[in-house]
């Protein structure tokens, strides 16, 4: 860098060593980013699931999981959230029933 400054006719550069820690700021930024990312990911997943159920009513967790290529445990968690929010319900028997949008 010094040689480039000389060859370009720029004044001689001076360098200082300065150490600054940003740990609280970094942690706050990481937490915000993670929380926003998780919330957005969850919202997108829930929206995708409810749209899928709306167009494919009556399916069970394993069928939904295979169709949207999401692990069954994740689908179960999302379904629990949607059921708690009264957006979907399970109708029919345990063996033959499925999920429907309210």
N, C-alpha and C. Protein backbone atom coordinates (compact mmCIF):
# COMPACT_ATOMS: atom_id res chain seq x y z
N UNK A 1 0.82 -1.18 0.00
CA UNK A 1 0.00 0.00 0.00
C UNK A 1 0.87 1.25 0.00
N UNK A 2 1.94 1.22 0.79
CA UNK A 2 2.84 2.38 0.86
C UNK A 2 3.48 2.62 -0.50
N UNK A 3 3.93 1.55 -1.14
CA UNK A 3 4.58 1.71 -2.44
C UNK A 3 3.60 2.23 -3.49
N UNK A 4 2.33 1.81 -3.42
CA UNK A 4 1.31 2.32 -4.35
C UNK A 4 1.08 3.80 -4.13
N UNK A 5 1.07 4.23 -2.88
CA UNK A 5 0.88 5.66 -2.59
C UNK A 5 2.04 6.47 -3.18
N UNK A 6 3.27 5.99 -3.00
CA UNK A 6 4.44 6.69 -3.54
C UNK A 6 4.38 6.77 -5.06
N UNK A 7 4.06 5.63 -5.70
CA UNK A 7 4.06 5.61 -7.17
C UNK A 7 2.94 6.47 -7.74
N UNK A 8 1.86 6.69 -7.01
CA UNK A 8 0.77 7.53 -7.48
C UNK A 8 0.94 8.99 -7.08
N UNK A 9 2.01 9.30 -6.37
CA UNK A 9 2.27 10.67 -5.97
C UNK A 9 1.43 11.12 -4.78
N UNK A 10 0.87 10.20 -4.06
CA UNK A 10 0.08 10.54 -2.86
C UNK A 10 1.01 10.76 -1.68
N UNK A 11 0.54 11.56 -0.71
CA UNK A 11 1.39 11.76 0.47
C UNK A 11 1.56 10.44 1.23
N UNK A 12 2.64 10.40 2.02
CA UNK A 12 2.94 9.19 2.78
C UNK A 12 1.82 8.91 3.79
N UNK A 13 1.40 7.67 3.82
CA UNK A 13 0.33 7.27 4.73
C UNK A 13 0.90 6.97 6.10
N UNK A 14 0.09 7.24 7.10
CA UNK A 14 0.47 6.85 8.46
C UNK A 14 -0.56 5.84 8.95
N UNK A 15 -0.10 4.93 9.76
CA UNK A 15 -0.97 3.88 10.26
C UNK A 15 -0.97 3.91 11.78
N UNK A 16 -2.13 3.71 12.33
CA UNK A 16 -2.27 3.61 13.78
C UNK A 16 -2.92 2.27 14.10
N UNK A 17 -2.55 1.74 15.23
CA UNK A 17 -3.19 0.51 15.67
C UNK A 17 -4.24 0.89 16.70
N UNK A 18 -5.45 0.46 16.43
CA UNK A 18 -6.56 0.80 17.32
C UNK A 18 -7.41 -0.45 17.49
N UNK A 19 -7.69 -0.78 18.73
CA UNK A 19 -8.50 -1.97 19.01
C UNK A 19 -9.81 -1.52 19.62
N UNK A 20 -10.88 -1.94 19.01
CA UNK A 20 -12.20 -1.61 19.52
C UNK A 20 -13.00 -2.90 19.61
N UNK A 21 -13.68 -3.08 20.70
CA UNK A 21 -14.51 -4.27 20.83
C UNK A 21 -15.96 -3.89 20.65
N UNK A 22 -16.67 -4.72 19.94
CA UNK A 22 -18.07 -4.47 19.65
C UNK A 22 -18.95 -5.61 20.14
N UNK A 23 -18.51 -6.33 21.14
CA UNK A 23 -19.24 -7.52 21.56
C UNK A 23 -20.71 -7.26 21.89
N UNK A 24 -21.04 -6.24 22.68
CA UNK A 24 -22.48 -6.04 22.93
C UNK A 24 -23.24 -5.76 21.65
N UNK A 25 -22.66 -4.94 20.78
CA UNK A 25 -23.33 -4.62 19.53
C UNK A 25 -23.45 -5.85 18.64
N UNK A 26 -22.39 -6.64 18.58
CA UNK A 26 -22.42 -7.85 17.76
C UNK A 26 -23.47 -8.81 18.30
N UNK A 27 -23.48 -9.00 19.63
CA UNK A 27 -24.47 -9.91 20.22
C UNK A 27 -25.89 -9.43 19.97
N UNK A 28 -26.11 -8.12 20.12
CA UNK A 28 -27.46 -7.59 19.86
C UNK A 28 -27.84 -7.81 18.40
N UNK A 29 -26.90 -7.55 17.51
CA UNK A 29 -27.17 -7.74 16.08
C UNK A 29 -27.43 -9.19 15.74
N UNK A 30 -26.62 -10.08 16.33
CA UNK A 30 -26.83 -11.50 16.07
C UNK A 30 -28.18 -11.95 16.59
N UNK A 31 -28.53 -11.53 17.81
CA UNK A 31 -29.82 -11.92 18.37
C UNK A 31 -30.97 -11.39 17.53
N UNK A 32 -30.87 -10.13 17.13
CA UNK A 32 -31.93 -9.56 16.29
C UNK A 32 -32.04 -10.33 14.98
N UNK A 33 -30.90 -10.56 14.35
CA UNK A 33 -30.90 -11.27 13.08
C UNK A 33 -31.45 -12.67 13.21
N UNK A 34 -31.03 -13.39 14.24
CA UNK A 34 -31.53 -14.75 14.45
C UNK A 34 -33.03 -14.75 14.72
N UNK A 35 -33.47 -13.86 15.60
CA UNK A 35 -34.89 -13.81 15.93
C UNK A 35 -35.73 -13.46 14.71
N UNK A 36 -35.28 -12.46 13.95
CA UNK A 36 -36.03 -12.09 12.75
C UNK A 36 -36.02 -13.23 11.74
N UNK A 37 -34.87 -13.85 11.57
CA UNK A 37 -34.77 -14.96 10.62
C UNK A 37 -35.66 -16.12 11.02
N UNK A 38 -35.66 -16.45 12.30
CA UNK A 38 -36.50 -17.55 12.77
C UNK A 38 -37.97 -17.20 12.63
N UNK A 39 -38.33 -15.97 12.99
CA UNK A 39 -39.74 -15.55 12.87
C UNK A 39 -40.19 -15.57 11.42
N UNK A 40 -39.35 -15.02 10.54
CA UNK A 40 -39.71 -15.01 9.13
C UNK A 40 -39.80 -16.43 8.58
N UNK A 41 -38.85 -17.27 8.96
CA UNK A 41 -38.87 -18.65 8.50
C UNK A 41 -40.09 -19.39 8.99
N UNK A 42 -40.45 -19.16 10.24
CA UNK A 42 -41.63 -19.80 10.80
C UNK A 42 -42.88 -19.28 10.12
N UNK A 43 -42.97 -17.97 9.93
CA UNK A 43 -44.14 -17.39 9.27
C UNK A 43 -44.28 -17.92 7.85
N UNK A 44 -43.16 -17.98 7.13
CA UNK A 44 -43.20 -18.49 5.76
C UNK A 44 -43.64 -19.95 5.75
N UNK A 45 -43.10 -20.72 6.69
CA UNK A 45 -43.47 -22.12 6.77
C UNK A 45 -44.94 -22.31 7.10
N UNK A 46 -45.43 -21.53 8.06
CA UNK A 46 -46.84 -21.62 8.44
C UNK A 46 -47.74 -21.21 7.28
N UNK A 47 -47.36 -20.15 6.60
CA UNK A 47 -48.15 -19.70 5.45
C UNK A 47 -48.16 -20.76 4.34
N UNK A 48 -46.99 -21.33 4.10
CA UNK A 48 -46.88 -22.38 3.08
C UNK A 48 -47.75 -23.58 3.46
N UNK A 49 -47.72 -23.96 4.74
CA UNK A 49 -48.49 -25.10 5.21
C UNK A 49 -49.99 -24.84 5.12
N UNK A 50 -50.42 -23.67 5.55
CA UNK A 50 -51.87 -23.39 5.52
C UNK A 50 -52.37 -23.32 4.08
N UNK A 51 -51.57 -22.78 3.18
CA UNK A 51 -51.96 -22.75 1.77
C UNK A 51 -52.04 -24.16 1.20
N UNK A 52 -51.08 -25.00 1.58
CA UNK A 52 -51.10 -26.37 1.10
C UNK A 52 -52.34 -27.11 1.62
N UNK A 53 -52.64 -26.95 2.91
CA UNK A 53 -53.80 -27.63 3.48
C UNK A 53 -55.08 -27.12 2.83
N UNK A 54 -55.12 -25.84 2.54
CA UNK A 54 -56.32 -25.26 1.92
C UNK A 54 -56.59 -25.89 0.55
N UNK A 55 -55.55 -26.17 -0.19
CA UNK A 55 -55.74 -26.76 -1.52
C UNK A 55 -55.72 -28.29 -1.51
N UNK A 56 -55.33 -28.88 -0.38
CA UNK A 56 -55.25 -30.34 -0.26
C UNK A 56 -55.86 -30.79 1.06
N UNK A 57 -57.11 -30.45 1.28
CA UNK A 57 -57.75 -30.74 2.57
C UNK A 57 -57.86 -32.24 2.81
N UNK A 58 -57.84 -32.59 4.09
CA UNK A 58 -58.07 -33.97 4.51
C UNK A 58 -56.84 -34.83 4.62
N UNK A 59 -55.65 -34.25 4.44
CA UNK A 59 -54.42 -35.04 4.55
C UNK A 59 -53.92 -35.08 5.99
N UNK A 60 -53.14 -36.11 6.30
CA UNK A 60 -52.53 -36.26 7.62
C UNK A 60 -51.07 -35.80 7.55
N UNK A 61 -50.43 -35.73 8.72
CA UNK A 61 -49.07 -35.19 8.83
C UNK A 61 -48.09 -35.86 7.86
N UNK A 62 -48.07 -37.19 7.83
CA UNK A 62 -47.10 -37.88 6.96
C UNK A 62 -47.32 -37.56 5.49
N UNK A 63 -48.57 -37.46 5.09
CA UNK A 63 -48.87 -37.14 3.70
C UNK A 63 -48.45 -35.71 3.37
N UNK A 64 -48.72 -34.81 4.29
CA UNK A 64 -48.34 -33.40 4.10
C UNK A 64 -46.82 -33.29 4.05
N UNK A 65 -46.15 -33.95 4.97
CA UNK A 65 -44.70 -33.92 5.05
C UNK A 65 -44.06 -34.36 3.74
N UNK A 66 -44.52 -35.47 3.20
CA UNK A 66 -43.96 -35.98 1.93
C UNK A 66 -44.24 -35.00 0.78
N UNK A 67 -45.44 -34.44 0.77
CA UNK A 67 -45.83 -33.57 -0.34
C UNK A 67 -45.05 -32.26 -0.37
N UNK A 68 -44.77 -31.68 0.80
CA UNK A 68 -44.07 -30.39 0.83
C UNK A 68 -42.59 -30.53 1.17
N UNK A 69 -42.15 -31.79 1.34
CA UNK A 69 -40.75 -32.09 1.59
C UNK A 69 -40.22 -31.38 2.85
N UNK A 70 -40.98 -31.48 3.92
CA UNK A 70 -40.61 -30.93 5.23
C UNK A 70 -40.69 -32.09 6.22
N UNK A 71 -39.73 -32.21 7.14
CA UNK A 71 -39.77 -33.32 8.10
C UNK A 71 -41.08 -33.36 8.89
N UNK A 72 -41.57 -34.57 9.18
CA UNK A 72 -42.85 -34.70 9.91
C UNK A 72 -42.88 -33.96 11.24
N UNK A 73 -41.78 -33.97 11.98
CA UNK A 73 -41.76 -33.26 13.28
C UNK A 73 -41.98 -31.76 13.10
N UNK A 74 -41.40 -31.20 12.05
CA UNK A 74 -41.59 -29.78 11.77
C UNK A 74 -43.04 -29.51 11.39
N UNK A 75 -43.60 -30.36 10.55
CA UNK A 75 -45.01 -30.22 10.16
C UNK A 75 -45.90 -30.32 11.39
N UNK A 76 -45.60 -31.25 12.29
CA UNK A 76 -46.38 -31.38 13.53
C UNK A 76 -46.33 -30.11 14.36
N UNK A 77 -45.13 -29.52 14.50
CA UNK A 77 -45.00 -28.27 15.27
C UNK A 77 -45.81 -27.15 14.63
N UNK A 78 -45.71 -27.03 13.31
CA UNK A 78 -46.45 -25.99 12.61
C UNK A 78 -47.95 -26.21 12.75
N UNK A 79 -48.39 -27.47 12.65
CA UNK A 79 -49.81 -27.78 12.78
C UNK A 79 -50.31 -27.42 14.17
N UNK A 80 -49.50 -27.71 15.19
CA UNK A 80 -49.88 -27.34 16.56
C UNK A 80 -50.07 -25.84 16.67
N UNK A 81 -49.17 -25.07 16.08
CA UNK A 81 -49.30 -23.61 16.10
C UNK A 81 -50.57 -23.17 15.39
N UNK A 82 -50.83 -23.72 14.21
CA UNK A 82 -52.03 -23.33 13.46
C UNK A 82 -53.31 -23.77 14.17
N UNK A 83 -53.29 -24.93 14.83
CA UNK A 83 -54.47 -25.37 15.59
C UNK A 83 -54.70 -24.45 16.78
N UNK A 84 -53.63 -24.07 17.48
CA UNK A 84 -53.76 -23.16 18.63
C UNK A 84 -54.26 -21.79 18.22
N UNK A 85 -53.96 -21.39 16.99
CA UNK A 85 -54.43 -20.10 16.46
C UNK A 85 -55.80 -20.22 15.79
N UNK A 86 -56.42 -21.41 15.90
CA UNK A 86 -57.73 -21.68 15.30
C UNK A 86 -57.77 -21.41 13.80
N UNK A 87 -56.71 -21.80 13.12
CA UNK A 87 -56.66 -21.63 11.66
C UNK A 87 -56.96 -22.93 10.93
N UNK A 88 -56.65 -24.06 11.59
CA UNK A 88 -56.96 -25.36 11.01
C UNK A 88 -57.54 -26.26 12.09
N UNK A 89 -58.15 -27.36 11.64
CA UNK A 89 -58.65 -28.36 12.59
C UNK A 89 -58.52 -29.74 11.97
N UNK A 90 -58.50 -30.74 12.84
CA UNK A 90 -58.46 -32.12 12.40
C UNK A 90 -59.88 -32.65 12.43
N UNK A 91 -60.31 -33.23 11.31
CA UNK A 91 -61.66 -33.79 11.22
C UNK A 91 -61.57 -35.28 10.89
N UNK A 92 -62.46 -36.05 11.50
CA UNK A 92 -62.52 -37.47 11.20
C UNK A 92 -61.84 -38.30 12.26
N UNK A 93 -61.73 -39.58 11.98
CA UNK A 93 -61.12 -40.51 12.93
C UNK A 93 -59.61 -40.37 12.91
N UNK A 94 -58.97 -40.93 13.92
CA UNK A 94 -57.50 -40.85 14.00
C UNK A 94 -56.84 -41.52 12.80
N UNK A 95 -57.45 -42.59 12.31
CA UNK A 95 -56.83 -43.33 11.19
C UNK A 95 -57.17 -42.76 9.83
N UNK A 96 -58.36 -42.21 9.68
CA UNK A 96 -58.80 -41.80 8.35
C UNK A 96 -59.03 -40.30 8.21
N UNK A 97 -58.88 -39.55 9.28
CA UNK A 97 -59.15 -38.11 9.23
C UNK A 97 -57.99 -37.33 8.65
N UNK A 98 -58.16 -36.01 8.65
CA UNK A 98 -57.12 -35.12 8.13
C UNK A 98 -57.36 -33.69 8.54
N UNK A 99 -56.51 -32.81 8.09
CA UNK A 99 -56.55 -31.39 8.47
C UNK A 99 -57.30 -30.56 7.43
N UNK A 100 -58.04 -29.58 7.99
CA UNK A 100 -58.86 -28.68 7.16
C UNK A 100 -58.65 -27.25 7.67
N UNK A 101 -58.71 -26.29 6.75
CA UNK A 101 -58.60 -24.88 7.09
C UNK A 101 -59.97 -24.41 7.58
N UNK A 102 -59.97 -23.61 8.63
CA UNK A 102 -61.21 -23.06 9.16
C UNK A 102 -61.61 -21.80 8.42
